[in-house]
N, C-alpha and C. Protein backbone atom coordinates (compact mmCIF):
# COMPACT_ATOMS: atom_id res chain seq x y z
N MET A 1 27.21 -5.69 -0.52
CA MET A 1 26.23 -4.71 -1.02
C MET A 1 25.29 -4.29 0.09
N HIS A 2 25.02 -3.01 0.17
CA HIS A 2 24.17 -2.45 1.25
C HIS A 2 22.66 -2.72 0.88
N GLU A 3 21.92 -2.97 1.93
CA GLU A 3 20.49 -3.13 1.75
C GLU A 3 19.85 -1.81 1.51
N GLN A 4 18.86 -1.78 0.62
CA GLN A 4 18.14 -0.51 0.34
C GLN A 4 17.11 -0.26 1.43
N PRO A 5 17.05 0.98 1.83
CA PRO A 5 16.09 1.36 2.95
C PRO A 5 14.72 1.66 2.42
N TRP A 6 14.46 1.41 1.13
CA TRP A 6 13.18 1.69 0.54
C TRP A 6 12.72 0.47 -0.34
N ALA A 7 11.47 0.52 -0.71
CA ALA A 7 10.95 -0.52 -1.59
C ALA A 7 10.63 0.14 -2.94
N GLY A 8 10.77 -0.62 -3.99
CA GLY A 8 10.44 -0.12 -5.30
C GLY A 8 11.66 0.16 -6.18
N VAL A 9 11.39 0.82 -7.23
CA VAL A 9 12.45 1.14 -8.20
C VAL A 9 12.49 2.65 -8.48
N SER A 10 13.60 3.12 -8.99
CA SER A 10 13.65 4.57 -9.33
C SER A 10 13.64 4.79 -10.81
N TYR A 11 13.20 3.78 -11.54
CA TYR A 11 13.14 3.91 -12.99
C TYR A 11 11.74 3.46 -13.45
N ILE A 12 11.19 4.22 -14.31
CA ILE A 12 9.88 3.86 -14.89
C ILE A 12 10.10 3.64 -16.37
N GLY A 13 9.68 2.47 -16.82
CA GLY A 13 9.96 2.05 -18.22
C GLY A 13 9.08 2.70 -19.25
N ILE A 14 9.21 3.98 -19.44
CA ILE A 14 8.47 4.72 -20.49
C ILE A 14 9.52 5.48 -21.29
N PRO A 15 9.28 5.74 -22.53
CA PRO A 15 10.29 6.44 -23.38
C PRO A 15 10.56 7.86 -22.88
N GLU A 16 9.60 8.48 -22.19
CA GLU A 16 9.77 9.85 -21.81
C GLU A 16 10.57 10.03 -20.49
N TYR A 17 10.89 8.90 -19.85
CA TYR A 17 11.48 8.96 -18.52
C TYR A 17 12.75 9.79 -18.47
N SER A 18 13.64 9.56 -19.38
CA SER A 18 14.95 10.30 -19.35
C SER A 18 14.76 11.78 -19.50
N GLY A 19 13.91 12.20 -20.41
CA GLY A 19 13.66 13.64 -20.64
C GLY A 19 12.96 14.24 -19.42
N LEU A 20 12.06 13.46 -18.80
CA LEU A 20 11.36 13.98 -17.66
C LEU A 20 12.35 14.17 -16.51
N GLY A 21 13.25 13.22 -16.29
CA GLY A 21 14.28 13.38 -15.27
C GLY A 21 15.15 14.57 -15.50
N ASP A 22 15.57 14.77 -16.78
CA ASP A 22 16.36 15.93 -17.06
C ASP A 22 15.68 17.21 -16.73
N ARG A 23 14.40 17.28 -17.08
CA ARG A 23 13.62 18.56 -16.85
C ARG A 23 13.47 18.77 -15.38
N VAL A 24 13.13 17.78 -14.61
CA VAL A 24 12.95 17.91 -13.20
C VAL A 24 14.30 18.39 -12.56
N SER A 25 15.39 17.76 -12.98
CA SER A 25 16.70 18.12 -12.48
C SER A 25 17.04 19.58 -12.82
N ALA A 26 16.70 20.01 -14.00
CA ALA A 26 16.95 21.39 -14.38
C ALA A 26 16.16 22.38 -13.55
N GLU A 27 14.95 22.02 -13.19
CA GLU A 27 14.13 22.92 -12.36
C GLU A 27 14.75 23.01 -10.96
N ILE A 28 15.14 21.90 -10.44
CA ILE A 28 15.81 21.94 -9.10
C ILE A 28 17.11 22.73 -9.13
N SER A 29 17.92 22.49 -10.17
CA SER A 29 19.19 23.19 -10.30
C SER A 29 18.94 24.75 -10.41
N ALA A 30 17.90 25.12 -11.11
CA ALA A 30 17.59 26.53 -11.25
C ALA A 30 17.21 27.15 -9.91
N ALA A 31 16.52 26.41 -9.09
CA ALA A 31 16.21 26.93 -7.75
C ALA A 31 17.42 27.02 -6.88
N ILE A 32 18.31 26.06 -6.98
CA ILE A 32 19.54 26.09 -6.21
C ILE A 32 20.43 27.29 -6.65
N ALA A 33 20.42 27.52 -7.91
CA ALA A 33 21.23 28.64 -8.44
C ALA A 33 20.59 30.01 -8.25
N GLY A 34 19.36 30.02 -7.70
CA GLY A 34 18.72 31.30 -7.47
C GLY A 34 18.01 31.91 -8.72
N GLN A 35 17.85 31.07 -9.74
CA GLN A 35 17.25 31.52 -10.99
C GLN A 35 15.74 31.48 -10.93
N GLN A 36 15.22 30.75 -9.96
CA GLN A 36 13.74 30.78 -9.70
C GLN A 36 13.55 30.38 -8.25
N SER A 37 12.34 30.57 -7.78
CA SER A 37 12.10 30.30 -6.33
C SER A 37 12.05 28.82 -6.08
N VAL A 38 12.27 28.49 -4.82
CA VAL A 38 12.21 27.13 -4.31
C VAL A 38 10.81 26.62 -4.47
N ASP A 39 9.80 27.47 -4.35
CA ASP A 39 8.42 27.02 -4.49
C ASP A 39 8.06 26.82 -5.94
N GLN A 40 8.64 27.63 -6.87
CA GLN A 40 8.27 27.53 -8.23
C GLN A 40 8.92 26.29 -8.92
N ALA A 41 10.08 25.87 -8.50
CA ALA A 41 10.76 24.73 -9.18
C ALA A 41 9.92 23.46 -9.16
N PRO A 42 9.45 23.01 -7.96
CA PRO A 42 8.64 21.81 -8.02
C PRO A 42 7.27 21.98 -8.68
N ALA A 43 6.74 23.21 -8.63
CA ALA A 43 5.45 23.50 -9.28
C ALA A 43 5.66 23.34 -10.82
N ASP A 44 6.71 23.88 -11.34
CA ASP A 44 6.98 23.75 -12.77
C ASP A 44 7.27 22.30 -13.17
N ALA A 45 8.00 21.61 -12.31
CA ALA A 45 8.32 20.21 -12.55
C ALA A 45 7.01 19.35 -12.57
N GLN A 46 6.11 19.67 -11.63
CA GLN A 46 4.85 18.92 -11.54
C GLN A 46 4.01 19.15 -12.86
N LEU A 47 3.94 20.43 -13.28
CA LEU A 47 3.19 20.70 -14.49
C LEU A 47 3.72 19.97 -15.69
N PHE A 48 5.06 20.02 -15.88
CA PHE A 48 5.69 19.27 -16.94
C PHE A 48 5.43 17.81 -16.87
N SER A 49 5.53 17.24 -15.65
CA SER A 49 5.28 15.84 -15.46
C SER A 49 3.85 15.44 -15.84
N GLU A 50 2.92 16.26 -15.44
CA GLU A 50 1.52 16.02 -15.81
C GLU A 50 1.32 16.05 -17.32
N ASP A 51 1.98 16.99 -17.99
CA ASP A 51 1.92 17.04 -19.44
C ASP A 51 2.49 15.78 -20.12
N VAL A 52 3.57 15.30 -19.61
CA VAL A 52 4.21 14.08 -20.09
C VAL A 52 3.30 12.91 -19.92
N VAL A 53 2.74 12.75 -18.74
CA VAL A 53 1.86 11.60 -18.48
C VAL A 53 0.61 11.64 -19.38
N LYS A 54 0.00 12.80 -19.49
CA LYS A 54 -1.23 12.93 -20.28
C LYS A 54 -0.84 12.78 -21.76
N GLY A 55 0.25 13.43 -22.20
CA GLY A 55 0.64 13.34 -23.59
C GLY A 55 1.02 11.96 -24.03
N GLY A 56 1.57 11.21 -23.12
CA GLY A 56 1.98 9.84 -23.47
C GLY A 56 0.79 8.86 -23.38
N GLY A 57 -0.37 9.33 -22.95
CA GLY A 57 -1.54 8.46 -22.86
C GLY A 57 -1.51 7.55 -21.62
N TYR A 58 -0.75 7.93 -20.63
CA TYR A 58 -0.62 7.15 -19.39
C TYR A 58 -1.74 7.45 -18.38
N GLN A 59 -2.40 8.55 -18.61
CA GLN A 59 -3.46 8.97 -17.73
C GLN A 59 -4.57 9.63 -18.54
N ASN A 60 -5.77 9.34 -18.19
CA ASN A 60 -6.91 9.93 -18.97
C ASN A 60 -7.22 11.35 -18.48
């Protein structure tokens, strides 16, 4: 098995994690497909992520 070149995990144990990953992936895919700008995709993903974090009560 190859050693990981990073520390940490790529999974966060919250119920919203799967849906969050799907949404972020969709935003990136839309940018790759030319359906939205490369600048807009991460901005939209960030807004959605913030809503998930606040809505889940993980941040005040």
